[in-house]
Amino acid sequence: MASYYNENTVLYLNGAFVKASEAKMDYYSQSFHYGYSVFEGIRSYKTVNGETKIFKAVEHYDRLKISAQSLNLPYEWLTQELIDITYELLAKNNLQNAYIRPVVYAPANMSFNLNTESFLVIEVWEMGAFLGDKLLRVMTSSFQRPNPKGFKIHAKAAGHYVNSILASQEAKGLGFDEALLTDMNGNVAEGPGANLFYEKDGKLFTPSLGNILPGITRATVLELCDELNIPVVEKTIVKEEVYGADAAFFCGTAAEVIGFESYDNKSFALKWENTVSKLIQDAYKNLIVENKEALVDEVIGVE
């Protein structure tokens, strides 16, 4: 198993920096028993000038607040306050290229009544490529994403990710790298922890909002498409469209931008190196480390 902390690791817990090995939570928490909590997955990077930069920090902490409020979890923290704390936490752990996991969780409560307070923990650890650096063999999962009428699907709630774990474990158990889930209508939705784009004739397509998590990396890809003059369409997608695509990729904070080798054992029309999807992958890599010269070159190259 991966080791996320050691005797020197520090986390932020309810107003104080404490050693991870000494941190405690209440085992009667609603979060522990029912998965009733919300979280964010955030990355920080060492930029080309050597500084530590949390990528899309405001967007992530704003979404944490939205998620908590959507699930009726009391939320009292300010976005800038949490950003400042996170930079301090990274420094205390001597980390630059890191994964950041803030969690808002509930107090002891074995009932389903509203809580009057919430707790907050922020953890950081070193993370490389979450899904590796090779193209992925992806399969259609037998699991569907939760019905939006049953959950606040736009919230990044811990309990939702039981679905993700089951789908990913199924795919890996069958020899694939990752799963692609459909929605309740059988349309393509997203991966266990990443949004989907596919490419056809130089244009990108991605599932519309409604049955998917509105990913911050997804929004970043849309911004890059605009900057690079790459047409992109948000629409309802069936898996047969992905079968006939020139390329496809997942995008997410942990996954970053990672291409498919195949989908349901069907390969794609173009080599990854010859796709606009690869251009998006390269642009994203330059953006997160603030390599602005390379970004400008990519824009000029497309034009």
C-alpha atoms as a PDB file:
ATOM      1  CA  MET A   1       0.000   0.000   0.000  1.00  0.00           C
ATOM      2  CA  ALA A   2       1.098   3.562  -0.642  1.00  0.00           C
ATOM      3  CA  SER A   3       2.395   5.510   2.333  1.00  0.00           C
ATOM      4  CA  TYR A   4       0.806   8.940   2.449  1.00  0.00           C
ATOM      5  CA  TYR A   5       2.480  10.137   5.625  1.00  0.00           C
ATOM      6  CA  ASN A   6       5.276   9.418   8.061  1.00  0.00           C
ATOM      7  CA  GLU A   7       6.221  10.518  11.575  1.00  0.00           C
ATOM      8  CA  ASN A   8       7.181  13.980  10.273  1.00  0.00           C
ATOM      9  CA  THR A   9       4.080  14.681   8.157  1.00  0.00           C
ATOM     10  CA  VAL A  10       1.932  17.620   9.237  1.00  0.00           C
ATOM     11  CA  LEU A  11      -1.736  18.183   8.426  1.00  0.00           C
ATOM     12  CA  TYR A  12      -4.161  20.966   9.220  1.00  0.00           C
ATOM     13  CA  LEU A  13      -6.996  19.926  11.526  1.00  0.00           C
ATOM     14  CA  ASN A  14      -9.686  22.230  12.865  1.00  0.00           C
ATOM     15  CA  GLY A  15      -7.570  25.335  13.264  1.00  0.00           C
ATOM     16  CA  ALA A  16      -4.180  23.808  14.083  1.00  0.00           C
ATOM     17  CA  PHE A  17      -1.225  22.181  12.370  1.00  0.00           C
ATOM     18  CA  VAL A  18      -0.725  18.732  13.902  1.00  0.00           C
ATOM     19  CA  LYS A  19       1.294  15.636  13.148  1.00  0.00           C
ATOM     20  CA  ALA A  20      -0.630  13.236  10.940  1.00  0.00           C
ATOM     21  CA  SER A  21       0.367  10.316  13.180  1.00  0.00           C
ATOM     22  CA  GLU A  22      -1.231  12.043  16.174  1.00  0.00           C
ATOM     23  CA  ALA A  23      -4.409  13.374  14.544  1.00  0.00           C
ATOM     24  CA  LYS A  24      -7.752  12.036  15.793  1.00  0.00           C
ATOM     25  CA  MET A  25     -11.356  12.098  14.632  1.00  0.00           C
ATOM     26  CA  ASP A  26     -14.606  11.034  16.264  1.00  0.00           C
ATOM     27  CA  TYR A  27     -15.534   7.496  15.245  1.00  0.00           C
ATOM     28  CA  TYR A  28     -19.200   8.376  15.803  1.00  0.00           C
ATOM     29  CA  SER A  29     -19.034  10.950  13.007  1.00  0.00           C
ATOM     30  CA  GLN A  30     -21.774  10.846  10.367  1.00  0.00           C
ATOM     31  CA  SER A  31     -18.969  11.005   7.822  1.00  0.00           C
ATOM     32  CA  PHE A  32     -17.379   7.776   9.016  1.00  0.00           C
ATOM     33  CA  HIS A  33     -20.682   5.885   9.166  1.00  0.00           C
ATOM     34  CA  TYR A  34     -22.521   7.303   6.164  1.00  0.00           C
ATOM     35  CA  GLY A  35     -19.943   8.871   3.837  1.00  0.00           C
ATOM     36  CA  TYR A  36     -21.498  12.247   4.642  1.00  0.00           C
ATOM     37  CA  SER A  37     -18.630  14.606   3.831  1.00  0.00           C
ATOM     38  CA  VAL A  38     -17.286  16.628   0.931  1.00  0.00           C
ATOM     39  CA  PHE A  39     -13.766  17.032  -0.342  1.00  0.00           C
ATOM     40  CA  GLU A  40     -11.573  18.505  -3.025  1.00  0.00           C
ATOM     41  CA  GLY A  41      -8.671  17.104  -5.002  1.00  0.00           C
ATOM     42  CA  ILE A  42      -6.159  19.873  -5.699  1.00  0.00           C
ATOM     43  CA  ARG A  43      -2.621  19.853  -7.072  1.00  0.00           C
ATOM     44  CA  SER A  44       0.343  22.092  -6.533  1.00  0.00           C
ATOM     45  CA  TYR A  45       3.324  22.273  -8.870  1.00  0.00           C
ATOM     46  CA  LYS A  46       6.852  23.560  -8.961  1.00  0.00           C
ATOM     47  CA  THR A  47       6.660  26.172 -11.705  1.00  0.00           C
ATOM     48  CA  VAL A  48       9.350  26.872 -14.292  1.00  0.00           C
ATOM     49  CA  ASN A  49      10.638  29.731 -12.110  1.00  0.00           C
ATOM     50  CA  GLY A  50      10.972  27.437  -9.079  1.00  0.00           C
ATOM     51  CA  GLU A  51       7.974  28.687  -7.107  1.00  0.00           C
ATOM     52  CA  THR A  52       5.216  26.548  -5.635  1.00  0.00           C
ATOM     53  CA  LYS A  53       1.836  27.212  -7.245  1.00  0.00           C
ATOM     54  CA  ILE A  54      -1.512  25.693  -6.305  1.00  0.00           C
ATOM     55  CA  PHE A  55      -3.365  25.194  -9.581  1.00  0.00           C
ATOM     56  CA  LYS A  56      -6.855  26.747  -9.696  1.00  0.00           C
ATOM     57  CA  ALA A  57      -6.843  27.196  -5.920  1.00  0.00           C
ATOM     58  CA  VAL A  58      -9.760  29.648  -5.849  1.00  0.00           C
ATOM     59  CA  GLU A  59     -11.927  27.468  -8.068  1.00  0.00           C
ATOM     60  CA  HIS A  60     -11.286  24.390  -5.935  1.00  0.00           C
ATOM     61  CA  TYR A  61     -11.967  26.007  -2.580  1.00  0.00           C
ATOM     62  CA  ASP A  62     -15.024  27.787  -3.944  1.00  0.00           C
ATOM     63  CA  ARG A  63     -16.335  24.403  -5.104  1.00  0.00           C
ATOM     64  CA  LEU A  64     -15.625  22.920  -1.668  1.00  0.00           C
ATOM     65  CA  LYS A  65     -17.947  25.547  -0.200  1.00  0.00           C
ATOM     66  CA  ILE A  66     -20.622  24.866  -2.828  1.00  0.00           C
ATOM     67  CA  SER A  67     -20.394  21.119  -2.189  1.00  0.00           C
ATOM     68  CA  ALA A  68     -20.717  21.567   1.578  1.00  0.00           C
ATOM     69  CA  GLN A  69     -23.678  23.900   1.278  1.00  0.00           C
ATOM     70  CA  SER A  70     -25.354  21.551  -1.215  1.00  0.00           C
ATOM     71  CA  LEU A  71     -25.208  18.773   1.384  1.00  0.00           C
ATOM     72  CA  ASN A  72     -26.283  21.009   4.299  1.00  0.00           C
ATOM     73  CA  LEU A  73     -22.876  20.834   5.958  1.00  0.00           C
ATOM     74  CA  PRO A  74     -22.253  24.073   7.895  1.00  0.00           C
ATOM     75  CA  TYR A  75     -19.397  25.980   6.250  1.00  0.00           C
ATOM     76  CA  GLU A  76     -17.621  28.940   7.833  1.00  0.00           C
ATOM     77  CA  TRP A  77     -14.239  29.118   6.103  1.00  0.00           C
ATOM     78  CA  LEU A  78     -13.109  31.768   3.618  1.00  0.00           C
ATOM     79  CA  THR A  79     -11.494  30.704   0.344  1.00  0.00           C
ATOM     80  CA  GLN A  80      -8.426  32.924   0.724  1.00  0.00           C
ATOM     81  CA  GLU A  81      -7.992  31.779   4.317  1.00  0.00           C
ATOM     82  CA  LEU A  82      -7.830  28.153   3.169  1.00  0.00           C
ATOM     83  CA  ILE A  83      -5.463  28.963   0.312  1.00  0.00           C
ATOM     84  CA  ASP A  84      -3.059  30.682   2.732  1.00  0.00           C
ATOM     85  CA  ILE A  85      -3.258  27.725   5.128  1.00  0.00           C
ATOM     86  CA  THR A  86      -2.557  25.306   2.289  1.00  0.00           C
ATOM     87  CA  TYR A  87       0.576  27.138   1.156  1.00  0.00           C
ATOM     88  CA  GLU A  88       1.798  27.075   4.754  1.00  0.00           C
ATOM     89  CA  LEU A  89       1.010  23.372   4.993  1.00  0.00           C
ATOM     90  CA  LEU A  90       2.961  22.634   1.807  1.00  0.00           C
ATOM     91  CA  ALA A  91       5.941  24.538   3.195  1.00  0.00           C
ATOM     92  CA  LYS A  92       5.783  22.690   6.521  1.00  0.00           C
ATOM     93  CA  ASN A  93       5.905  19.392   4.616  1.00  0.00           C
ATOM     94  CA  ASN A  94       8.565  20.614   2.167  1.00  0.00           C
ATOM     95  CA  LEU A  95       6.361  19.800  -0.837  1.00  0.00           C
ATOM     96  CA  GLN A  96       5.977  21.467  -4.209  1.00  0.00           C
ATOM     97  CA  ASN A  97       4.606  18.804  -6.572  1.00  0.00           C
ATOM     98  CA  ALA A  98       1.825  17.634  -4.300  1.00  0.00           C
ATOM     99  CA  TYR A  99      -1.740  16.467  -4.058  1.00  0.00           C
ATOM    100  CA  ILE A 100      -3.932  18.427  -1.644  1.00  0.00           C
ATOM    101  CA  ARG A 101      -7.014  16.905  -0.016  1.00  0.00           C
ATOM    102  CA  PRO A 102      -9.278  19.152   2.087  1.00  0.00           C
ATOM    103  CA  VAL A 103     -12.235  17.351   3.660  1.00  0.00           C
ATOM    104  CA  VAL A 104     -15.232  18.911   5.386  1.00  0.00           C
ATOM    105  CA  TYR A 105     -16.734  16.293   7.672  1.00  0.00           C
ATOM    106  CA  ALA A 106     -19.536  15.946  10.189  1.00  0.00           C
ATOM    107  CA  PRO A 107     -19.476  15.590  13.983  1.00  0.00           C
ATOM    108  CA  ALA A 108     -20.794  12.652  16.002  1.00  0.00           C
ATOM    109  CA  ASN A 109     -24.394  12.118  14.960  1.00  0.00           C
ATOM    110  CA  MET A 110     -26.068   8.745  14.546  1.00  0.00           C
ATOM    111  CA  SER A 111     -29.312  10.409  13.464  1.00  0.00           C
ATOM    112  CA  PHE A 112     -30.125  12.047  10.135  1.00  0.00           C
ATOM    113  CA  ASN A 113     -30.758  15.419  11.747  1.00  0.00           C
ATOM    114  CA  LEU A 114     -28.971  18.588  10.653  1.00  0.00           C
ATOM    115  CA  ASN A 115     -25.630  19.353  12.248  1.00  0.00           C
ATOM    116  CA  THR A 116     -24.757  22.729  13.738  1.00  0.00           C
ATOM    117  CA  GLU A 117     -21.035  22.445  13.010  1.00  0.00           C
ATOM    118  CA  SER A 118     -18.570  20.886  10.596  1.00  0.00           C
ATOM    119  CA  PHE A 119     -14.892  20.011  10.881  1.00  0.00           C
ATOM    120  CA  LEU A 120     -12.077  20.525   8.393  1.00  0.00           C
ATOM    121  CA  VAL A 121      -8.898  18.609   7.664  1.00  0.00           C
ATOM    122  CA  ILE A 122      -6.363  19.399   4.925  1.00  0.00           C
ATOM    123  CA  GLU A 123      -3.814  16.740   3.989  1.00  0.00           C
ATOM    124  CA  VAL A 124      -0.972  16.914   1.463  1.00  0.00           C
ATOM    125  CA  TRP A 125       1.252  14.272  -0.037  1.00  0.00           C
ATOM    126  CA  GLU A 126       3.582  13.785  -2.972  1.00  0.00           C
ATOM    127  CA  MET A 127       1.862  12.501  -6.087  1.00  0.00           C
ATOM    128  CA  GLY A 128       3.072  11.587  -9.534  1.00  0.00           C
ATOM    129  CA  ALA A 129       0.916  10.657 -12.525  1.00  0.00           C
ATOM    130  CA  PHE A 130      -2.276   9.232 -10.956  1.00  0.00           C
ATOM    131  CA  LEU A 131      -3.133   7.031 -13.951  1.00  0.00           C
ATOM    132  CA  GLY A 132       0.456   6.603 -15.094  1.00  0.00           C
ATOM    133  CA  ASP A 133       2.073   8.167 -18.141  1.00  0.00           C
ATOM    134  CA  LYS A 134       1.035   5.614 -20.772  1.00  0.00           C
ATOM    135  CA  LEU A 135      -2.103   5.620 -22.899  1.00  0.00           C
ATOM    136  CA  LEU A 136      -5.010   3.882 -21.175  1.00  0.00           C
ATOM    137  CA  ARG A 137      -6.974   0.770 -22.048  1.00  0.00           C
ATOM    138  CA  VAL A 138     -10.514   1.744 -21.020  1.00  0.00           C
ATOM    139  CA  MET A 139     -13.704  -0.325 -20.786  1.00  0.00           C
ATOM    140  CA  THR A 140     -17.375   0.532 -20.399  1.00  0.00           C
ATOM    141  CA  SER A 141     -18.270  -0.132 -16.793  1.00  0.00           C
ATOM    142  CA  SER A 142     -21.231  -2.257 -15.757  1.00  0.00           C
ATOM    143  CA  PHE A 143     -21.846   0.425 -13.136  1.00  0.00           C
ATOM    144  CA  GLN A 144     -23.730   3.609 -13.960  1.00  0.00           C
ATOM    145  CA  ARG A 145     -23.249   7.030 -12.430  1.00  0.00           C
ATOM    146  CA  PRO A 146     -25.781   7.930  -9.717  1.00  0.00           C
ATOM    147  CA  ASN A 147     -29.128   9.349 -10.768  1.00  0.00           C
ATOM    148  CA  PRO A 148     -28.951  13.158 -10.358  1.00  0.00           C
ATOM    149  CA  LYS A 149     -32.404  13.035  -8.779  1.00  0.00           C
ATOM    150  CA  GLY A 150     -30.980  10.847  -6.013  1.00  0.00           C
ATOM    151  CA  PHE A 151     -27.916  12.951  -5.222  1.00  0.00           C
ATOM    152  CA  LYS A 152     -26.529  16.461  -5.571  1.00  0.00           C
ATOM    153  CA  ILE A 153     -24.407  15.237  -8.467  1.00  0.00           C
ATOM    154  CA  HIS A 154     -22.515  18.546  -8.819  1.00  0.00           C
ATOM    155  CA  ALA A 155     -21.191  18.185  -5.265  1.00  0.00           C
ATOM    156  CA  LYS A 156     -17.906  16.412  -4.667  1.00  0.00           C
ATOM    157  CA  ALA A 157     -19.327  14.197  -1.932  1.00  0.00           C
ATOM    158  CA  ALA A 158     -17.345  11.345  -0.411  1.00  0.00           C
ATOM    159  CA  GLY A 159     -20.222   8.867  -0.588  1.00  0.00           C
ATOM    160  CA  HIS A 160     -20.487   9.240  -4.362  1.00  0.00           C
ATOM    161  CA  TYR A 161     -17.047   7.695  -4.736  1.00  0.00           C
ATOM    162  CA  VAL A 162     -18.093   4.212  -3.647  1.00  0.00           C
ATOM    163  CA  ASN A 163     -19.491   4.078  -7.179  1.00  0.00           C
ATOM    164  CA  SER A 164     -16.104   5.178  -8.546  1.00  0.00           C
ATOM    165  CA  ILE A 165     -14.180   2.603  -6.522  1.00  0.00           C
ATOM    166  CA  LEU A 166     -16.412  -0.251  -7.684  1.00  0.00           C
ATOM    167  CA  ALA A 167     -16.122   0.776 -11.334  1.00  0.00           C
ATOM    168  CA  SER A 168     -12.355   1.186 -11.230  1.00  0.00           C
ATOM    169  CA  GLN A 169     -11.803  -2.077  -9.373  1.00  0.00           C
ATOM    170  CA  GLU A 170     -13.985  -3.914 -11.895  1.00  0.00           C
ATOM    171  CA  ALA A 171     -12.009  -2.536 -14.837  1.00  0.00           C
ATOM    172  CA  LYS A 172      -8.624  -3.362 -13.335  1.00  0.00           C
ATOM    173  CA  GLY A 173      -9.821  -6.810 -12.357  1.00  0.00           C
ATOM    174  CA  LEU A 174     -10.646  -7.457 -16.004  1.00  0.00           C
ATOM    175  CA  GLY A 175      -7.218  -6.316 -17.204  1.00  0.00           C
ATOM    176  CA  PHE A 176      -8.047  -2.730 -18.180  1.00  0.00           C
ATOM    177  CA  ASP A 177      -6.491   0.459 -16.859  1.00  0.00           C
ATOM    178  CA  GLU A 178      -9.680   2.337 -16.116  1.00  0.00           C
ATOM    179  CA  ALA A 179     -13.449   2.442 -16.506  1.00  0.00           C
ATOM    180  CA  LEU A 180     -15.825   4.729 -18.369  1.00  0.00           C
ATOM    181  CA  LEU A 181     -19.271   4.930 -16.817  1.00  0.00           C
ATOM    182  CA  THR A 182     -22.593   5.672 -18.462  1.00  0.00           C
ATOM    183  CA  ASP A 183     -25.457   7.651 -16.971  1.00  0.00           C
ATOM    184  CA  MET A 184     -28.905   6.308 -16.065  1.00  0.00           C
ATOM    185  CA  ASN A 185     -29.964   6.625 -19.722  1.00  0.00           C
ATOM    186  CA  GLY A 186     -27.000   4.638 -21.013  1.00  0.00           C
ATOM    187  CA  ASN A 187     -25.198   7.668 -22.407  1.00  0.00           C
ATOM    188  CA  VAL A 188     -21.489   8.182 -21.828  1.00  0.00           C
ATOM    189  CA  ALA A 189     -20.878  10.098 -18.599  1.00  0.00           C
ATOM    190  CA  GLU A 190     -17.369  10.116 -17.106  1.00  0.00           C
ATOM    191  CA  GLY A 191     -14.579   8.085 -15.579  1.00  0.00           C
ATOM    192  CA  PRO A 192     -14.404   7.169 -11.886  1.00  0.00           C
ATOM    193  CA  GLY A 193     -12.502  10.383 -11.184  1.00  0.00           C
ATOM    194  CA  ALA A 194     -12.152  12.215 -14.488  1.00  0.00           C
ATOM    195  CA  ASN A 195     -14.173  13.775 -17.280  1.00  0.00           C
ATOM    196  CA  LEU A 196     -14.156  12.521 -20.877  1.00  0.00           C
ATOM    197  CA  PHE A 197     -13.374  14.192 -24.196  1.00  0.00           C
ATOM    198  CA  TYR A 198     -13.206  12.519 -27.577  1.00  0.00           C
ATOM    199  CA  GLU A 199     -11.860  13.875 -30.859  1.00  0.00           C
ATOM    200  CA  LYS A 200     -13.306  13.600 -34.351  1.00  0.00           C
ATOM    201  CA  ASP A 201     -12.055  15.470 -37.461  1.00  0.00           C
ATOM    202  CA  GLY A 202     -10.111  18.021 -35.413  1.00  0.00           C
ATOM    203  CA  LYS A 203     -13.061  18.793 -33.125  1.00  0.00           C
ATOM    204  CA  LEU A 204     -13.507  17.793 -29.474  1.00  0.00           C
ATOM    205  CA  PHE A 205     -16.712  16.518 -27.895  1.00  0.00           C
ATOM    206  CA  THR A 206     -17.561  16.132 -24.205  1.00  0.00           C
ATOM    207  CA  PRO A 207     -20.715  15.116 -22.289  1.00  0.00           C
ATOM    208  CA  SER A 208     -22.985  17.979 -21.272  1.00  0.00           C
ATOM    209  CA  LEU A 209     -23.418  18.910 -17.629  1.00  0.00           C
ATOM    210  CA  GLY A 210     -26.273  17.341 -15.709  1.00  0.00           C
ATOM    211  CA  ASN A 211     -25.160  13.763 -15.128  1.00  0.00           C
ATOM    212  CA  ILE A 212     -21.454  14.459 -14.497  1.00  0.00           C
ATOM    213  CA  LEU A 213     -19.270  16.291 -12.000  1.00  0.00           C
ATOM    214  CA  PRO A 214     -18.506  19.729 -13.497  1.00  0.00           C
ATOM    215  CA  GLY A 215     -14.757  19.219 -13.351  1.00  0.00           C
ATOM    216  CA  ILE A 216     -12.339  22.101 -12.896  1.00  0.00           C
ATOM    217  CA  THR A 217      -9.872  20.420 -15.251  1.00  0.00           C
ATOM    218  CA  ARG A 218     -12.722  19.973 -17.734  1.00  0.00           C
ATOM    219  CA  ALA A 219     -13.341  23.721 -17.560  1.00  0.00           C
ATOM    220  CA  THR A 220      -9.607  24.298 -18.060  1.00  0.00           C
ATOM    221  CA  VAL A 221      -9.623  22.126 -21.196  1.00  0.00           C
ATOM    222  CA  LEU A 222     -12.533  24.170 -22.540  1.00  0.00           C
ATOM    223  CA  GLU A 223     -10.490  27.340 -21.896  1.00  0.00           C
ATOM    224  CA  LEU A 224      -7.483  25.854 -23.697  1.00  0.00           C
ATOM    225  CA  CYS A 225      -9.668  24.894 -26.663  1.00  0.00           C
ATOM    226  CA  ASP A 226     -10.792  28.506 -26.888  1.00  0.00           C
ATOM    227  CA  GLU A 227      -7.214  29.796 -26.738  1.00  0.00           C
ATOM    228  CA  LEU A 228      -5.998  27.268 -29.307  1.00  0.00           C
ATOM    229  CA  ASN A 229      -9.017  27.733 -31.600  1.00  0.00           C
ATOM    230  CA  ILE A 230      -9.979  24.077 -31.298  1.00  0.00           C
ATOM    231  CA  PRO A 231     -13.741  23.579 -31.805  1.00  0.00           C
ATOM    232  CA  VAL A 232     -15.443  21.841 -28.882  1.00  0.00           C
ATOM    233  CA  VAL A 233     -19.030  20.655 -28.471  1.00  0.00           C
ATOM    234  CA  GLU A 234     -20.851  19.746 -25.250  1.00  0.00           C
ATOM    235  CA  LYS A 235     -23.586  17.221 -26.009  1.00  0.00           C
ATOM    236  CA  THR A 236     -25.203  13.905 -25.174  1.00  0.00           C
ATOM    237  CA  ILE A 237     -22.808  11.152 -26.279  1.00  0.00           C
ATOM    238  CA  VAL A 238     -23.370   7.446 -26.899  1.00  0.00           C
ATOM    239  CA  LYS A 239     -20.479   5.017 -26.657  1.00  0.00           C
ATOM    240  CA  GLU A 240     -20.621   4.187 -30.378  1.00  0.00           C
ATOM    241  CA  GLU A 241     -19.435   7.748 -31.048  1.00  0.00           C
ATOM    242  CA  VAL A 242     -16.364   7.105 -28.932  1.00  0.00           C
ATOM    243  CA  TYR A 243     -15.759   3.831 -30.809  1.00  0.00           C
ATOM    244  CA  GLY A 244     -15.553   5.831 -34.040  1.00  0.00           C
ATOM    245  CA  ALA A 245     -13.419   8.637 -32.648  1.00  0.00           C
ATOM    246  CA  ASP A 246      -9.955   9.674 -33.773  1.00  0.00           C
ATOM    247  CA  ALA A 247      -8.826   9.896 -30.127  1.00  0.00           C
ATOM    248  CA  ALA A 248     -10.152  10.179 -26.589  1.00  0.00           C
ATOM    249  CA  PHE A 249      -8.836  11.306 -23.220  1.00  0.00           C
ATOM    250  CA  PHE A 250      -9.671  11.670 -19.557  1.00  0.00           C
ATOM    251  CA  CYS A 251      -9.007  14.887 -17.673  1.00  0.00           C
ATOM    252  CA  GLY A 252      -9.043  15.582 -13.960  1.00  0.00           C
ATOM    253  CA  THR A 253      -6.905  17.106 -11.240  1.00  0.00           C
ATOM    254  CA  ALA A 254      -5.333  13.780 -10.298  1.00  0.00           C
ATOM    255  CA  ALA A 255      -5.417  12.303 -13.813  1.00  0.00           C
ATOM    256  CA  GLU A 256      -4.358  15.587 -15.492  1.00  0.00           C
ATOM    257  CA  VAL A 257      -4.802  14.937 -19.256  1.00  0.00           C
ATOM    258  CA  ILE A 258      -4.238  11.312 -20.253  1.00  0.00           C
ATOM    259  CA  GLY A 259      -5.099   9.714 -23.594  1.00  0.00           C
ATOM    260  CA  PHE A 260      -6.771   6.394 -24.407  1.00  0.00           C
ATOM    261  CA  GLU A 261      -4.982   3.584 -26.205  1.00  0.00           C
ATOM    262  CA  SER A 262      -8.299   1.803 -26.762  1.00  0.00           C
ATOM    263  CA  TYR A 263     -11.911   1.772 -25.635  1.00  0.00           C
ATOM    264  CA  ASP A 264     -13.626  -1.592 -25.188  1.00  0.00           C
ATOM    265  CA  ASN A 265     -10.641  -3.070 -27.032  1.00  0.00           C
ATOM    266  CA  LYS A 266     -11.273  -0.839 -30.053  1.00  0.00           C
ATOM    267  CA  SER A 267      -8.334   1.309 -31.155  1.00  0.00           C
ATOM    268  CA  PHE A 268      -8.579   4.830 -32.537  1.00  0.00           C
ATOM    269  CA  ALA A 269      -8.147   6.163 -36.052  1.00  0.00           C
ATOM    270  CA  LEU A 270      -5.174   8.438 -35.323  1.00  0.00           C
ATOM    271  CA  LYS A 271      -1.927   7.974 -33.472  1.00  0.00           C
ATOM    272  CA  TRP A 272      -2.011   9.980 -30.249  1.00  0.00           C
ATOM    273  CA  GLU A 273       0.985  12.070 -31.370  1.00  0.00           C
ATOM    274  CA  ASN A 274      -0.978  13.300 -34.412  1.00  0.00           C
ATOM    275  CA  THR A 275      -4.089  14.523 -32.576  1.00  0.00           C
ATOM    276  CA  VAL A 276      -5.325  17.854 -31.272  1.00  0.00           C
ATOM    277  CA  SER A 277      -5.930  15.938 -28.048  1.00  0.00           C
ATOM    278  CA  LYS A 278      -2.149  15.601 -27.681  1.00  0.00           C
ATOM    279  CA  LEU A 279      -1.890  19.345 -28.238  1.00  0.00           C
ATOM    280  CA  ILE A 280      -4.311  19.871 -25.342  1.00  0.00           C
ATOM    281  CA  GLN A 281      -2.252  17.510 -23.184  1.00  0.00           C
ATOM    282  CA  ASP A 282       0.929  19.469 -23.918  1.00  0.00           C
ATOM    283  CA  ALA A 283      -0.784  22.814 -23.370  1.00  0.00           C
ATOM    284  CA  TYR A 284      -2.104  21.634 -20.009  1.00  0.00           C
ATOM    285  CA  LYS A 285       1.352  20.470 -18.922  1.00  0.00           C
ATOM    286  CA  ASN A 286       2.756  23.890 -19.763  1.00  0.00           C
ATOM    287  CA  LEU A 287      -0.103  25.732 -18.081  1.00  0.00           C
ATOM    288  CA  ILE A 288       0.207  24.020 -14.700  1.00  0.00           C
ATOM    289  CA  VAL A 289       3.913  24.882 -14.416  1.00  0.00           C
ATOM    290  CA  GLU A 290       3.375  28.363 -15.886  1.00  0.00           C
ATOM    291  CA  ASN A 291       5.556  27.740 -18.939  1.00  0.00           C
ATOM    292  CA  LYS A 292       4.075  30.736 -20.731  1.00  0.00           C
ATOM    293  CA  GLU A 293       6.565  30.806 -23.613  1.00  0.00           C
ATOM    294  CA  ALA A 294       5.677  27.257 -24.620  1.00  0.00           C
ATOM    295  CA  LEU A 295       1.973  28.095 -24.357  1.00  0.00           C
ATOM    296  CA  VAL A 296       2.406  31.032 -26.707  1.00  0.00           C
ATOM    297  CA  ASP A 297       4.301  28.832 -29.150  1.00  0.00           C
ATOM    298  CA  GLU A 298       1.435  26.311 -29.140  1.00  0.00           C
ATOM    299  CA  VAL A 299      -1.120  29.031 -29.870  1.00  0.00           C
ATOM    300  CA  ILE A 300       1.013  30.366 -32.736  1.00  0.00           C
ATOM    301  CA  GLY A 301       1.496  26.821 -34.027  1.00  0.00           C
ATOM    302  CA  VAL A 302      -2.237  26.197 -34.171  1.00  0.00           C
ATOM    303  CA  GLU A 303      -2.939  29.533 -35.834  1.00  0.00           C
END
